[in-house]
C-alpha atoms as a PDB file:
ATOM      1  CA  MET A   1    -153.738  27.125 -42.155  1.00  0.00           C
ATOM      2  CA  GLN A   2    -154.792  30.586 -41.011  1.00  0.00           C
ATOM      3  CA  ASN A   3    -154.280  31.938 -37.497  1.00  0.00           C
ATOM      4  CA  ILE A   4    -157.471  33.111 -35.812  1.00  0.00           C
ATOM      5  CA  LEU A   5    -157.630  35.281 -32.700  1.00  0.00           C
ATOM      6  CA  PHE A   6    -160.783  35.508 -30.582  1.00  0.00           C
ATOM      7  CA  VAL A   7    -160.958  38.791 -28.695  1.00  0.00           C
ATOM      8  CA  GLY A   8    -163.471  37.860 -26.028  1.00  0.00           C
ATOM      9  CA  ALA A   9    -163.974  34.385 -24.618  1.00  0.00           C
ATOM     10  CA  GLY A  10    -167.675  34.144 -23.809  1.00  0.00           C
ATOM     11  CA  SER A  11    -170.264  31.565 -24.821  1.00  0.00           C
ATOM     12  CA  MET A  12    -170.429  32.620 -28.481  1.00  0.00           C
ATOM     13  CA  ALA A  13    -166.641  32.502 -28.888  1.00  0.00           C
ATOM     14  CA  GLU A  14    -166.598  29.049 -27.324  1.00  0.00           C
ATOM     15  CA  ALA A  15    -169.477  27.835 -29.481  1.00  0.00           C
ATOM     16  CA  LEU A  16    -167.668  28.863 -32.672  1.00  0.00           C
ATOM     17  CA  LEU A  17    -164.199  27.586 -31.797  1.00  0.00           C
ATOM     18  CA  GLN A  18    -165.619  24.330 -30.489  1.00  0.00           C
ATOM     19  CA  GLY A  19    -167.614  23.845 -33.681  1.00  0.00           C
ATOM     20  CA  TRP A  20    -164.665  24.632 -35.948  1.00  0.00           C
ATOM     21  CA  ILE A  21    -162.380  22.283 -34.052  1.00  0.00           C
ATOM     22  CA  ARG A  22    -164.958  19.501 -34.005  1.00  0.00           C
ATOM     23  CA  GLU A  23    -165.586  19.829 -37.751  1.00  0.00           C
ATOM     24  CA  GLN A  24    -161.813  20.085 -38.356  1.00  0.00           C
ATOM     25  CA  VAL A  25    -162.032  23.288 -40.401  1.00  0.00           C
ATOM     26  CA  VAL A  26    -159.482  24.951 -38.091  1.00  0.00           C
ATOM     27  CA  LYS A  27    -156.828  23.199 -36.007  1.00  0.00           C
ATOM     28  CA  PRO A  28    -156.686  24.078 -32.281  1.00  0.00           C
ATOM     29  CA  GLY A  29    -153.071  25.209 -32.571  1.00  0.00           C
ATOM     30  CA  HIS A  30    -154.114  27.961 -34.969  1.00  0.00           C
ATOM     31  CA  ILE A  31    -156.751  29.426 -32.646  1.00  0.00           C
ATOM     32  CA  TYR A  32    -155.733  32.053 -30.082  1.00  0.00           C
ATOM     33  CA  VAL A  33    -157.897  33.539 -27.334  1.00  0.00           C
ATOM     34  CA  THR A  34    -157.696  36.672 -25.234  1.00  0.00           C
ATOM     35  CA  ASN A  35    -159.988  38.807 -23.090  1.00  0.00           C
ATOM     36  CA  ARG A  36    -159.782  41.844 -20.852  1.00  0.00           C
ATOM     37  CA  SER A  37    -159.089  40.284 -17.472  1.00  0.00           C
ATOM     38  CA  ASN A  38    -160.496  36.780 -16.937  1.00  0.00           C
ATOM     39  CA  LYS A  39    -157.345  34.676 -17.261  1.00  0.00           C
ATOM     40  CA  ALA A  40    -159.017  31.676 -15.636  1.00  0.00           C
ATOM     41  CA  ARG A  41    -161.507  31.581 -18.512  1.00  0.00           C
ATOM     42  CA  LEU A  42    -158.675  31.568 -21.065  1.00  0.00           C
ATOM     43  CA  THR A  43    -156.967  28.711 -19.253  1.00  0.00           C
ATOM     44  CA  GLU A  44    -160.270  26.834 -19.231  1.00  0.00           C
ATOM     45  CA  LEU A  45    -160.596  27.131 -23.017  1.00  0.00           C
ATOM     46  CA  GLN A  46    -156.966  26.146 -23.506  1.00  0.00           C
ATOM     47  CA  THR A  47    -157.374  23.046 -21.356  1.00  0.00           C
ATOM     48  CA  ARG A  48    -160.695  22.061 -22.904  1.00  0.00           C
ATOM     49  CA  TYR A  49    -159.907  22.564 -26.599  1.00  0.00           C
ATOM     50  CA  GLY A  50    -156.138  22.887 -26.962  1.00  0.00           C
ATOM     51  CA  VAL A  51    -156.288  26.483 -28.220  1.00  0.00           C
ATOM     52  CA  LYS A  52    -153.533  28.980 -27.416  1.00  0.00           C
ATOM     53  CA  ILE A  53    -153.680  31.976 -25.107  1.00  0.00           C
ATOM     54  CA  LEU A  54    -152.384  35.159 -26.738  1.00  0.00           C
ATOM     55  CA  ALA A  55    -148.984  35.607 -25.110  1.00  0.00           C
ATOM     56  CA  ASN A  56    -148.462  39.278 -25.964  1.00  0.00           C
ATOM     57  CA  ASN A  57    -149.875  41.988 -28.201  1.00  0.00           C
ATOM     58  CA  GLU A  58    -147.027  41.655 -30.689  1.00  0.00           C
ATOM     59  CA  LYS A  59    -148.556  38.299 -31.720  1.00  0.00           C
ATOM     60  CA  ILE A  60    -151.607  40.172 -33.038  1.00  0.00           C
ATOM     61  CA  ALA A  61    -149.647  41.139 -36.159  1.00  0.00           C
ATOM     62  CA  HIS A  62    -149.416  37.443 -37.090  1.00  0.00           C
ATOM     63  CA  MET A  63    -153.177  36.883 -37.044  1.00  0.00           C
ATOM     64  CA  ASP A  64    -154.967  36.328 -40.357  1.00  0.00           C
ATOM     65  CA  ILE A  65    -158.431  36.721 -38.841  1.00  0.00           C
ATOM     66  CA  ILE A  66    -159.520  38.510 -35.684  1.00  0.00           C
ATOM     67  CA  VAL A  67    -162.927  37.585 -34.281  1.00  0.00           C
ATOM     68  CA  LEU A  68    -164.492  40.396 -32.271  1.00  0.00           C
ATOM     69  CA  ALA A  69    -166.453  38.564 -29.564  1.00  0.00           C
ATOM     70  CA  MET A  70    -166.224  40.883 -26.580  1.00  0.00           C
ATOM     71  CA  LYS A  71    -169.202  42.580 -24.926  1.00  0.00           C
ATOM     72  CA  PRO A  72    -170.519  45.360 -27.210  1.00  0.00           C
ATOM     73  CA  LYS A  73    -169.859  47.940 -24.488  1.00  0.00           C
ATOM     74  CA  ASP A  74    -166.141  47.042 -24.587  1.00  0.00           C
ATOM     75  CA  VAL A  75    -165.706  47.236 -28.353  1.00  0.00           C
ATOM     76  CA  HIS A  76    -164.225  50.741 -28.567  1.00  0.00           C
ATOM     77  CA  THR A  77    -161.670  50.124 -25.816  1.00  0.00           C
ATOM     78  CA  SER A  78    -160.713  46.801 -27.382  1.00  0.00           C
ATOM     79  CA  MET A  79    -160.279  48.300 -30.845  1.00  0.00           C
ATOM     80  CA  GLU A  80    -158.040  51.033 -29.418  1.00  0.00           C
ATOM     81  CA  GLN A  81    -155.836  48.320 -27.925  1.00  0.00           C
ATOM     82  CA  LEU A  82    -155.792  46.238 -31.125  1.00  0.00           C
ATOM     83  CA  ARG A  83    -155.142  48.985 -33.660  1.00  0.00           C
ATOM     84  CA  PRO A  84    -151.426  49.621 -32.968  1.00  0.00           C
ATOM     85  CA  PHE A  85    -150.606  45.932 -33.505  1.00  0.00           C
ATOM     86  CA  ILE A  86    -153.007  44.721 -36.181  1.00  0.00           C
ATOM     87  CA  ALA A  87    -151.567  43.983 -39.641  1.00  0.00           C
ATOM     88  CA  ASN A  88    -152.928  45.703 -42.749  1.00  0.00           C
ATOM     89  CA  ASN A  89    -154.042  42.404 -44.306  1.00  0.00           C
ATOM     90  CA  THR A  90    -155.836  41.058 -41.223  1.00  0.00           C
ATOM     91  CA  ILE A  91    -159.521  40.316 -41.778  1.00  0.00           C
ATOM     92  CA  ILE A  92    -162.151  41.099 -39.143  1.00  0.00           C
ATOM     93  CA  LEU A  93    -165.071  38.837 -38.281  1.00  0.00           C
ATOM     94  CA  SER A  94    -167.472  40.404 -35.803  1.00  0.00           C
ATOM     95  CA  VAL A  95    -170.100  38.501 -33.830  1.00  0.00           C
ATOM     96  CA  LEU A  96    -171.145  41.644 -31.942  1.00  0.00           C
ATOM     97  CA  ALA A  97    -174.830  42.504 -31.931  1.00  0.00           C
ATOM     98  CA  GLY A  98    -175.581  46.000 -33.168  1.00  0.00           C
ATOM     99  CA  ILE A  99    -172.022  47.138 -33.939  1.00  0.00           C
ATOM    100  CA  ALA A 100    -171.897  48.323 -37.568  1.00  0.00           C
ATOM    101  CA  MET A 101    -169.074  47.564 -39.982  1.00  0.00           C
ATOM    102  CA  GLU A 102    -168.614  51.306 -40.385  1.00  0.00           C
ATOM    103  CA  THR A 103    -167.869  51.560 -36.650  1.00  0.00           C
ATOM    104  CA  ILE A 104    -165.341  48.729 -36.908  1.00  0.00           C
ATOM    105  CA  GLN A 105    -163.693  50.343 -39.927  1.00  0.00           C
ATOM    106  CA  VAL A 106    -163.318  53.623 -38.052  1.00  0.00           C
ATOM    107  CA  GLY A 107    -161.768  51.752 -35.134  1.00  0.00           C
ATOM    108  CA  LEU A 108    -159.491  49.365 -37.036  1.00  0.00           C
ATOM    109  CA  GLY A 109    -158.994  50.960 -40.441  1.00  0.00           C
ATOM    110  CA  GLU A 110    -160.200  50.019 -43.901  1.00  0.00           C
ATOM    111  CA  ARG A 111    -159.930  46.270 -44.378  1.00  0.00           C
ATOM    112  CA  PRO A 112    -162.171  43.261 -45.192  1.00  0.00           C
ATOM    113  CA  ILE A 113    -164.879  43.050 -42.535  1.00  0.00           C
ATOM    114  CA  ALA A 114    -167.614  40.469 -42.049  1.00  0.00           C
ATOM    115  CA  ARG A 115    -170.399  40.626 -39.511  1.00  0.00           C
ATOM    116  CA  VAL A 116    -172.108  37.411 -38.521  1.00  0.00           C
ATOM    117  CA  MET A 117    -174.926  36.712 -36.130  1.00  0.00           C
ATOM    118  CA  PRO A 118    -174.756  33.022 -35.177  1.00  0.00           C
ATOM    119  CA  ASN A 119    -176.350  31.436 -32.139  1.00  0.00           C
ATOM    120  CA  THR A 120    -175.016  29.154 -29.448  1.00  0.00           C
ATOM    121  CA  SER A 121    -176.254  26.040 -31.280  1.00  0.00           C
ATOM    122  CA  ALA A 122    -172.972  26.387 -33.216  1.00  0.00           C
ATOM    123  CA  THR A 123    -171.611  24.200 -30.425  1.00  0.00           C
ATOM    124  CA  LEU A 124    -173.546  21.287 -31.957  1.00  0.00           C
ATOM    125  CA  GLY A 125    -173.039  22.315 -35.584  1.00  0.00           C
ATOM    126  CA  MET A 126    -176.648  23.535 -35.699  1.00  0.00           C
ATOM    127  CA  SER A 127    -176.332  27.320 -35.662  1.00  0.00           C
ATOM    128  CA  ALA A 128    -178.591  29.514 -37.784  1.00  0.00           C
ATOM    129  CA  SER A 129    -176.380  32.407 -38.894  1.00  0.00           C
ATOM    130  CA  GLY A 130    -176.813  35.535 -40.971  1.00  0.00           C
ATOM    131  CA  ILE A 131    -173.654  37.102 -42.412  1.00  0.00           C
ATOM    132  CA  ALA A 132    -172.883  40.395 -44.160  1.00  0.00           C
ATOM    133  CA  PHE A 133    -169.679  41.548 -45.865  1.00  0.00           C
ATOM    134  CA  ASN A 134    -168.241  44.953 -46.648  1.00  0.00           C
ATOM    135  CA  ASP A 135    -167.212  45.952 -50.168  1.00  0.00           C
ATOM    136  CA  VAL A 136    -163.508  45.265 -49.512  1.00  0.00           C
ATOM    137  CA  MET A 137    -164.112  41.538 -49.015  1.00  0.00           C
ATOM    138  CA  THR A 138    -163.081  39.438 -52.023  1.00  0.00           C
ATOM    139  CA  ALA A 139    -165.121  36.560 -53.417  1.00  0.00           C
ATOM    140  CA  GLU A 140    -162.475  34.115 -52.197  1.00  0.00           C
ATOM    141  CA  GLN A 141    -162.584  35.563 -48.678  1.00  0.00           C
ATOM    142  CA  LYS A 142    -166.388  35.420 -48.675  1.00  0.00           C
ATOM    143  CA  ALA A 143    -166.280  31.768 -49.696  1.00  0.00           C
ATOM    144  CA  PHE A 144    -163.876  30.991 -46.850  1.00  0.00           C
ATOM    145  CA  PHE A 145    -166.176  32.572 -44.260  1.00  0.00           C
ATOM    146  CA  MET A 146    -169.202  30.793 -45.690  1.00  0.00           C
ATOM    147  CA  THR A 147    -167.259  27.526 -45.279  1.00  0.00           C
ATOM    148  CA  LEU A 148    -166.413  28.407 -41.666  1.00  0.00           C
ATOM    149  CA  LEU A 149    -170.027  29.198 -40.797  1.00  0.00           C
ATOM    150  CA  ASN A 150    -171.520  26.282 -42.738  1.00  0.00           C
ATOM    151  CA  ALA A 151    -169.289  24.045 -40.622  1.00  0.00           C
ATOM    152  CA  VAL A 152    -171.308  25.039 -37.551  1.00  0.00           C
ATOM    153  CA  GLY A 153    -174.785  25.085 -39.074  1.00  0.00           C
ATOM    154  CA  THR A 154    -176.706  27.034 -41.696  1.00  0.00           C
ATOM    155  CA  VAL A 155    -175.501  30.460 -42.881  1.00  0.00           C
ATOM    156  CA  VAL A 156    -177.314  32.936 -45.126  1.00  0.00           C
ATOM    157  CA  GLU A 157    -175.805  36.123 -46.594  1.00  0.00           C
ATOM    158  CA  VAL A 158    -177.964  39.191 -45.939  1.00  0.00           C
ATOM    159  CA  PRO A 159    -177.575  42.968 -46.307  1.00  0.00           C
ATOM    160  CA  GLU A 160    -175.987  44.415 -43.172  1.00  0.00           C
ATOM    161  CA  ASP A 161    -179.112  46.321 -42.159  1.00  0.00           C
ATOM    162  CA  GLN A 162    -181.036  43.032 -41.954  1.00  0.00           C
ATOM    163  CA  LEU A 163    -178.640  41.711 -39.300  1.00  0.00           C
ATOM    164  CA  HIS A 164    -180.745  43.578 -36.738  1.00  0.00           C
ATOM    165  CA  ALA A 165    -183.668  41.312 -37.678  1.00  0.00           C
ATOM    166  CA  VAL A 166    -181.409  38.232 -37.786  1.00  0.00           C
ATOM    167  CA  THR A 167    -180.209  39.110 -34.283  1.00  0.00           C
ATOM    168  CA  ALA A 168    -183.784  39.312 -33.048  1.00  0.00           C
ATOM    169  CA  LEU A 169    -184.920  36.135 -34.803  1.00  0.00           C
ATOM    170  CA  SER A 170    -182.206  33.472 -34.822  1.00  0.00           C
ATOM    171  CA  GLY A 171    -179.543  35.152 -32.674  1.00  0.00           C
ATOM    172  CA  SER A 172    -181.872  35.496 -29.706  1.00  0.00           C
ATOM    173  CA  GLY A 173    -184.160  32.693 -30.879  1.00  0.00           C
ATOM    174  CA  PRO A 174    -182.715  29.872 -28.750  1.00  0.00           C
ATOM    175  CA  ALA A 175    -183.523  31.869 -25.599  1.00  0.00           C
ATOM    176  CA  TYR A 176    -187.155  32.127 -26.700  1.00  0.00           C
ATOM    177  CA  ILE A 177    -187.339  28.369 -27.284  1.00  0.00           C
ATOM    178  CA  TYR A 178    -185.787  27.700 -23.872  1.00  0.00           C
ATOM    179  CA  TYR A 179    -188.341  30.108 -22.370  1.00  0.00           C
ATOM    180  CA  VAL A 180    -191.138  28.021 -23.892  1.00  0.00           C
ATOM    181  CA  MET A 181    -189.489  24.864 -22.530  1.00  0.00           C
ATOM    182  CA  GLU A 182    -189.523  26.424 -19.045  1.00  0.00           C
ATOM    183  CA  ALA A 183    -193.295  26.833 -19.413  1.00  0.00           C
ATOM    184  CA  PHE A 184    -193.732  23.202 -20.520  1.00  0.00           C
ATOM    185  CA  LEU A 185    -191.731  22.017 -17.508  1.00  0.00           C
ATOM    186  CA  ALA A 186    -193.835  24.146 -15.163  1.00  0.00           C
ATOM    187  CA  ALA A 187    -197.069  22.842 -16.697  1.00  0.00           C
ATOM    188  CA  GLY A 188    -195.866  19.259 -16.461  1.00  0.00           C
ATOM    189  CA  GLU A 189    -195.029  19.725 -12.785  1.00  0.00           C
ATOM    190  CA  LYS A 190    -198.538  21.010 -12.101  1.00  0.00           C
ATOM    191  CA  LEU A 191    -199.924  17.952 -13.884  1.00  0.00           C
ATOM    192  CA  GLY A 192    -197.798  15.657 -11.724  1.00  0.00           C
ATOM    193  CA  VAL A 193    -195.426  14.476 -14.469  1.00  0.00           C
ATOM    194  CA  GLU A 194    -191.768  13.954 -13.603  1.00  0.00           C
ATOM    195  CA  LYS A 195    -189.510  16.790 -14.806  1.00  0.00           C
ATOM    196  CA  GLU A 196    -187.213  14.478 -16.774  1.00  0.00           C
ATOM    197  CA  THR A 197    -190.197  12.871 -18.470  1.00  0.00           C
ATOM    198  CA  VAL A 198    -191.515  16.246 -19.581  1.00  0.00           C
ATOM    199  CA  ARG A 199    -188.032  17.276 -20.724  1.00  0.00           C
ATOM    200  CA  ALA A 200    -187.601  14.114 -22.813  1.00  0.00           C
ATOM    201  CA  LEU A 201    -191.047  14.390 -24.389  1.00  0.00           C
ATOM    202  CA  MET A 202    -190.912  18.116 -25.169  1.00  0.00           C
ATOM    203  CA  THR A 203    -187.311  18.154 -26.375  1.00  0.00           C
ATOM    204  CA  GLN A 204    -188.196  15.489 -28.939  1.00  0.00           C
ATOM    205  CA  THR A 205    -191.445  17.289 -29.789  1.00  0.00           C
ATOM    206  CA  ILE A 206    -189.582  20.526 -30.540  1.00  0.00           C
ATOM    207  CA  ALA A 207    -186.900  18.671 -32.537  1.00  0.00           C
ATOM    208  CA  GLY A 208    -189.529  16.730 -34.483  1.00  0.00           C
ATOM    209  CA  SER A 209    -191.549  19.829 -35.261  1.00  0.00           C
ATOM    210  CA  ALA A 210    -188.429  21.611 -36.528  1.00  0.00           C
ATOM    211  CA  ALA A 211    -187.582  18.579 -38.679  1.00  0.00           C
ATOM    212  CA  MET A 212    -191.093  18.612 -40.186  1.00  0.00           C
ATOM    213  CA  LEU A 213    -190.736  22.279 -41.101  1.00  0.00           C
ATOM    214  CA  LYS A 214    -187.336  21.612 -42.641  1.00  0.00           C
ATOM    215  CA  ARG A 215    -188.281  18.528 -44.628  1.00  0.00           C
ATOM    216  CA  PHE A 216    -191.717  19.409 -45.943  1.00  0.00           C
ATOM    217  CA  ASP A 217    -192.537  22.486 -48.015  1.00  0.00           C
ATOM    218  CA  GLU A 218    -195.563  23.385 -45.927  1.00  0.00           C
ATOM    219  CA  GLU A 219    -196.509  26.570 -44.142  1.00  0.00           C
ATOM    220  CA  PRO A 220    -196.427  26.374 -40.322  1.00  0.00           C
ATOM    221  CA  ALA A 221    -200.142  27.146 -40.273  1.00  0.00           C
ATOM    222  CA  THR A 222    -200.829  24.118 -42.503  1.00  0.00           C
ATOM    223  CA  LEU A 223    -198.837  21.779 -40.250  1.00  0.00           C
ATOM    224  CA  ARG A 224    -200.553  23.208 -37.181  1.00  0.00           C
ATOM    225  CA  LYS A 225    -203.995  22.581 -38.661  1.00  0.00           C
ATOM    226  CA  GLN A 226    -203.030  18.982 -39.449  1.00  0.00           C
ATOM    227  CA  VAL A 227    -202.485  18.429 -35.712  1.00  0.00           C
ATOM    228  CA  THR A 228    -205.604  20.339 -34.624  1.00  0.00           C
ATOM    229  CA  SER A 229    -208.728  18.178 -34.730  1.00  0.00           C
ATOM    230  CA  PRO A 230    -212.069  20.017 -34.298  1.00  0.00           C
ATOM    231  CA  GLY A 231    -213.223  19.762 -30.726  1.00  0.00           C
ATOM    232  CA  GLY A 232    -210.006  18.047 -29.651  1.00  0.00           C
ATOM    233  CA  THR A 233    -207.320  18.703 -27.063  1.00  0.00           C
ATOM    234  CA  THR A 234    -205.032  20.674 -29.368  1.00  0.00           C
ATOM    235  CA  GLU A 235    -207.840  23.010 -30.372  1.00  0.00           C
ATOM    236  CA  ALA A 236    -208.579  23.640 -26.691  1.00  0.00           C
ATOM    237  CA  GLY A 237    -204.952  24.599 -26.112  1.00  0.00           C
ATOM    238  CA  ILE A 238    -204.715  26.783 -29.235  1.00  0.00           C
ATOM    239  CA  ARG A 239    -207.891  28.607 -28.167  1.00  0.00           C
ATOM    240  CA  VAL A 240    -206.183  29.701 -24.945  1.00  0.00           C
ATOM    241  CA  LEU A 241    -203.081  30.846 -26.874  1.00  0.00           C
ATOM    242  CA  ASP A 242    -205.325  32.939 -29.117  1.00  0.00           C
ATOM    243  CA  GLU A 243    -207.215  34.376 -26.139  1.00  0.00           C
ATOM    244  CA  LEU A 244    -203.916  35.392 -24.544  1.00  0.00           C
ATOM    245  CA  HIS A 245    -202.662  36.899 -27.844  1.00  0.00           C
ATOM    246  CA  VAL A 246    -199.497  34.773 -27.750  1.00  0.00           C
ATOM    247  CA  LYS A 247    -198.778  35.419 -31.455  1.00  0.00           C
ATOM    248  CA  ASP A 248    -198.828  39.151 -30.790  1.00  0.00           C
ATOM    249  CA  ALA A 249    -196.556  38.679 -27.783  1.00  0.00           C
ATOM    250  CA  ILE A 250    -194.004  36.752 -29.868  1.00  0.00           C
ATOM    251  CA  GLU A 251    -194.095  39.347 -32.646  1.00  0.00           C
ATOM    252  CA  ASN A 252    -193.595  42.119 -30.085  1.00  0.00           C
ATOM    253  CA  CYS A 253    -190.760  40.150 -28.497  1.00  0.00           C
ATOM    254  CA  VAL A 254    -188.892  39.971 -31.817  1.00  0.00           C
ATOM    255  CA  MET A 255    -189.638  43.602 -32.665  1.00  0.00           C
ATOM    256  CA  SER A 256    -188.320  44.719 -29.284  1.00  0.00           C
ATOM    257  CA  ALA A 257    -185.098  42.734 -29.752  1.00  0.00           C
ATOM    258  CA  GLU A 258    -184.631  44.210 -33.241  1.00  0.00           C
ATOM    259  CA  LYS A 259    -185.149  47.703 -31.853  1.00  0.00           C
ATOM    260  CA  ARG A 260    -182.559  47.082 -29.132  1.00  0.00           C
ATOM    261  CA  SER A 261    -180.063  45.919 -31.755  1.00  0.00           C
ATOM    262  CA  ARG A 262    -180.521  49.217 -33.586  1.00  0.00           C
ATOM    263  CA  GLU A 263    -180.119  51.124 -30.312  1.00  0.00           C
ATOM    264  CA  LEU A 264    -176.820  49.345 -29.669  1.00  0.00           C
ATOM    265  CA  ALA A 265    -175.702  50.316 -33.174  1.00  0.00           C
ATOM    266  CA  SER A 266    -176.400  53.966 -32.399  1.00  0.00           C
ATOM    267  CA  GLY A 267    -174.515  53.800 -29.108  1.00  0.00           C
ATOM    268  CA  LYS A 268    -177.504  53.864 -26.766  1.00  0.00           C
END
């Protein structure tokens, strides 16, 4: 069993380690966590999942995989602290938005590097992840990472440059869905429907719609038209969405997120 160190202990780190432990692809005793200063957070993860807190930097040399999960702004400082202790055969898995493999290689030396953009649904084994590998990664190592990420959802290998788009689409995607749910809850309140009733109805509606897209080989537009009767309630609602250019707003939302990912990659 390989030893895995998470550098950074935020929501994405927790989502991954929780998913791996739940699916039994990694045992808790082989997962270590560390961060810059929040020791209470490390203790929380240790208590909740049975993972280990990194006792000292010398332990870093015994790690088979290091997961970079700190804030992007802290990556250079963290790599400076890791480099004196990291072993030559340690593999890097980065979940950092916008930080290129070339940057990681400069910071930590030439070694197998994977970049993945999961989302927080990994907690439930339902992440949508894009992953890219550098040329040093072997086929066996790639297969291992695909197994790790498939354990927490769906993973697709993409060229590294496309991870900016993956970040904007599925990485940030849950926040967009939650944003829409906020609007449904607000509308339901105005219509006098209990909040929990709206939540139950719309959560199932979103889940059901996603299941329809996954099961049937139909375009979203086709499924939408099947629900939209001429002169009916759905058509009235869609008309307002068209008048407010909601499709354009969503496209611009994703484009803006993709642009920000590229800015982060360039150090802006």
